[in-house]
Amino acid sequence: MSNTATVSYMWAEKGKQPRINQKQRKRERKTLFGCIEPETGIVITGKADKGNTVSFFSFLLLVAKHYQGRKVVMVLDNVPYHHAKRLKPILERYKHRIELVYLPPYSPDLNPIERIWWYMRKKITHNRYVQNLQDRINNFDMFIQDFKIENDMGKNLTKLIVNI
């Protein structure tokens, strides 16, 4: 998650590209981790200053803790730290709790969490100015909280995954 606005489709005067003001003085980034249980729409997220093997494994443990007593099968894209050699001995130790399934290269459309990220960008960054990275993180937290509230109210969000 960087501190930049994204221009998406919108109404505008013909021939005039809309501009979204943005201010980014330095490279500010946070790594967001997320997974969704397709059957229920439950989303689990995590944040880290940097995406790497350590932060990824911490997220895996967070997910496994959420599903205590159940084996977690997680669908992943091909980010290099998902395949890190350092991760293999740890995954071997936790193989009774965590199984990773890798998507073919360049196929994000097969990963259910990508639909959530698309929807998040639509709600948080597309055609919107955000003052700083902390505001963007706060918007992300509110977005995820809304997901949890919707699920708690029984408005199962799996429709978002299936129908997009």
Protein backbone atom coordinates (compact mmCIF):
# COMPACT_ATOMS: atom_id res chain seq x y z
CA MET A 1 0.00 0.00 0.00
CA SER A 2 1.64 3.18 -1.11
CA ASN A 3 0.46 6.73 -0.65
CA THR A 4 -0.70 7.38 -4.20
CA ALA A 5 -4.06 7.95 -5.80
CA THR A 6 -5.14 5.84 -8.74
CA VAL A 7 -7.23 7.07 -11.64
CA SER A 8 -9.99 4.69 -12.60
CA TYR A 9 -12.94 4.93 -14.93
CA MET A 10 -15.20 7.87 -14.17
CA TRP A 11 -17.31 10.50 -15.87
CA ALA A 12 -15.29 13.37 -17.27
CA GLU A 13 -15.51 15.97 -20.00
CA LYS A 14 -14.59 14.42 -23.33
CA GLY A 15 -10.93 14.83 -24.14
CA LYS A 16 -9.92 16.03 -20.66
CA GLN A 17 -8.04 13.60 -18.44
CA PRO A 18 -9.14 13.99 -14.82
CA ARG A 19 -6.34 14.80 -12.39
CA ILE A 20 -6.11 13.56 -8.86
CA ASN A 21 -3.87 15.68 -6.66
CA GLN A 22 -1.42 13.69 -4.64
CA LYS A 23 1.42 14.48 -2.36
CA GLN A 24 4.17 11.95 -1.80
CA ARG A 25 7.44 13.33 -0.54
CA LYS A 26 9.11 10.03 0.18
CA ARG A 27 8.59 6.39 -0.58
CA GLU A 28 6.06 5.30 2.02
CA ARG A 29 4.90 1.70 1.93
CA LYS A 30 3.13 -0.91 3.97
CA THR A 31 2.62 -4.49 2.96
CA LEU A 32 -0.91 -5.81 3.33
CA PHE A 33 -1.57 -9.50 3.72
CA GLY A 34 -5.03 -10.91 3.33
CA CYS A 35 -7.01 -14.04 2.83
CA ILE A 36 -10.68 -14.77 2.46
CA GLU A 37 -12.62 -17.89 3.24
CA PRO A 38 -14.69 -18.25 0.05
CA GLU A 39 -17.48 -20.18 1.75
CA THR A 40 -18.21 -17.55 4.43
CA GLY A 41 -16.63 -14.33 3.16
CA ILE A 42 -14.56 -13.99 6.34
CA VAL A 43 -11.51 -11.85 5.64
CA ILE A 44 -8.32 -11.96 7.72
CA THR A 45 -5.75 -9.23 7.16
CA GLY A 46 -2.35 -8.26 8.44
CA LYS A 47 0.05 -5.37 7.90
CA ALA A 48 3.83 -5.23 7.89
CA ASP A 49 6.43 -2.59 7.21
CA LYS A 50 7.98 -4.88 4.63
CA GLY A 51 6.80 -7.95 2.75
CA ASN A 52 9.30 -10.75 3.33
CA THR A 53 9.53 -14.32 4.57
CA VAL A 54 9.31 -13.32 8.24
CA SER A 55 6.28 -11.05 7.86
CA PHE A 56 4.57 -13.57 5.60
CA PHE A 57 5.08 -16.41 8.06
CA SER A 58 3.74 -14.20 10.87
CA PHE A 59 0.61 -13.74 8.78
CA LEU A 60 0.33 -17.49 8.21
CA LEU A 61 0.48 -18.05 11.98
CA LEU A 62 -2.21 -15.39 12.50
CA VAL A 63 -4.49 -17.23 10.06
CA ALA A 64 -3.72 -20.64 11.59
CA LYS A 65 -4.51 -19.22 15.05
CA HIS A 66 -7.86 -17.93 13.75
CA TYR A 67 -8.70 -21.44 12.52
CA GLN A 68 -7.43 -23.30 15.56
CA GLY A 69 -8.01 -27.01 15.29
CA ARG A 70 -8.49 -26.87 11.51
CA LYS A 71 -6.03 -27.20 8.68
CA VAL A 72 -5.65 -24.04 6.59
CA VAL A 73 -5.24 -24.39 2.83
CA MET A 74 -4.16 -21.05 1.42
CA VAL A 75 -4.10 -20.10 -2.26
CA LEU A 76 -1.11 -17.89 -3.10
CA ASP A 77 0.30 -15.97 -5.97
CA ASN A 78 3.97 -16.18 -6.86
CA VAL A 79 5.55 -13.40 -4.83
CA PRO A 80 9.14 -14.56 -4.25
CA TYR A 81 8.87 -14.71 -0.45
CA HIS A 82 5.94 -17.15 -0.78
CA HIS A 83 8.50 -19.62 -2.20
CA ALA A 84 11.47 -18.70 -0.01
CA LYS A 85 13.84 -21.52 0.94
CA ARG A 86 13.82 -20.23 4.53
CA LEU A 87 10.08 -20.92 4.64
CA LYS A 88 10.29 -24.61 3.70
CA PRO A 89 11.56 -26.03 7.05
CA ILE A 90 8.99 -23.98 8.95
CA LEU A 91 6.17 -25.15 6.68
CA GLU A 92 7.35 -28.74 7.09
CA ARG A 93 7.00 -28.34 10.86
CA TYR A 94 3.46 -26.92 10.45
CA LYS A 95 2.30 -29.17 7.58
CA HIS A 96 -0.49 -30.57 9.76
CA ARG A 97 -1.88 -27.01 10.10
CA ILE A 98 -0.92 -25.09 6.95
CA GLU A 99 -0.89 -26.10 3.30
CA LEU A 100 0.07 -23.65 0.56
CA VAL A 101 -1.32 -23.98 -2.97
CA TYR A 102 0.38 -21.87 -5.63
CA LEU A 103 -1.45 -20.38 -8.58
CA PRO A 104 0.01 -20.56 -12.07
CA PRO A 105 2.13 -17.50 -12.92
CA TYR A 106 0.24 -14.39 -14.00
CA SER A 107 -3.19 -15.60 -12.94
CA PRO A 108 -4.35 -13.25 -10.17
CA ASP A 109 -7.94 -13.62 -11.40
CA LEU A 110 -7.94 -17.12 -9.86
CA ASN A 111 -7.13 -15.82 -6.38
CA PRO A 112 -10.26 -14.87 -4.37
CA ILE A 113 -8.46 -12.21 -2.29
CA GLU A 114 -7.61 -10.29 -5.46
CA ARG A 115 -11.30 -9.44 -5.84
CA ILE A 116 -11.27 -7.98 -2.36
CA TRP A 117 -8.15 -5.95 -3.15
CA TRP A 118 -9.82 -4.70 -6.36
CA TYR A 119 -12.90 -3.65 -4.42
CA MET A 120 -10.73 -2.04 -1.72
CA ARG A 121 -8.84 0.04 -4.28
CA LYS A 122 -12.15 1.08 -5.82
CA LYS A 123 -13.40 2.28 -2.43
CA ILE A 124 -10.15 3.74 -1.05
CA THR A 125 -7.81 4.91 -3.82
CA HIS A 126 -9.59 5.20 -7.17
CA ASN A 127 -10.20 8.87 -7.97
CA ARG A 128 -9.55 9.91 -4.37
CA TYR A 129 -6.94 12.07 -2.76
CA VAL A 130 -5.56 10.73 0.50
CA GLN A 131 -3.36 13.09 2.50
CA ASN A 132 -0.85 10.51 3.75
CA LEU A 133 -0.15 6.83 4.19
CA GLN A 134 -1.58 6.75 7.72
CA ASP A 135 -4.90 8.05 6.39
CA ARG A 136 -4.85 5.33 3.74
CA ILE A 137 -4.18 2.70 6.42
CA ASN A 138 -7.04 4.07 8.50
CA ASN A 139 -9.31 3.89 5.44
CA PHE A 140 -8.20 0.30 4.88
CA ASP A 141 -8.95 -0.60 8.51
CA MET A 142 -12.44 0.92 8.21
CA PHE A 143 -13.02 -0.91 4.93
CA ILE A 144 -12.09 -4.27 6.51
CA GLN A 145 -14.19 -3.48 9.60
CA ASP A 146 -17.18 -2.86 7.32
CA PHE A 147 -16.60 -6.30 5.79
CA LYS A 148 -16.67 -7.85 9.24
CA ILE A 149 -19.84 -5.99 10.20
CA GLU A 150 -21.57 -7.06 6.98
CA ASN A 151 -20.67 -10.69 7.63
CA ASP A 152 -21.80 -10.48 11.25
CA MET A 153 -25.14 -9.12 10.04
CA GLY A 154 -25.51 -12.10 7.73
CA LYS A 155 -25.01 -10.23 4.48
CA ASN A 156 -22.53 -12.86 3.39
CA LEU A 157 -19.93 -11.23 1.17
CA THR A 158 -19.14 -14.34 -0.80
CA LYS A 159 -21.30 -12.82 -3.54
CA LEU A 160 -18.49 -10.34 -4.12
CA ILE A 161 -16.08 -13.19 -4.78
CA VAL A 162 -18.40 -15.22 -6.96
CA ASN A 163 -20.10 -12.50 -8.99
CA ILE A 164 -17.25 -10.22 -10.00
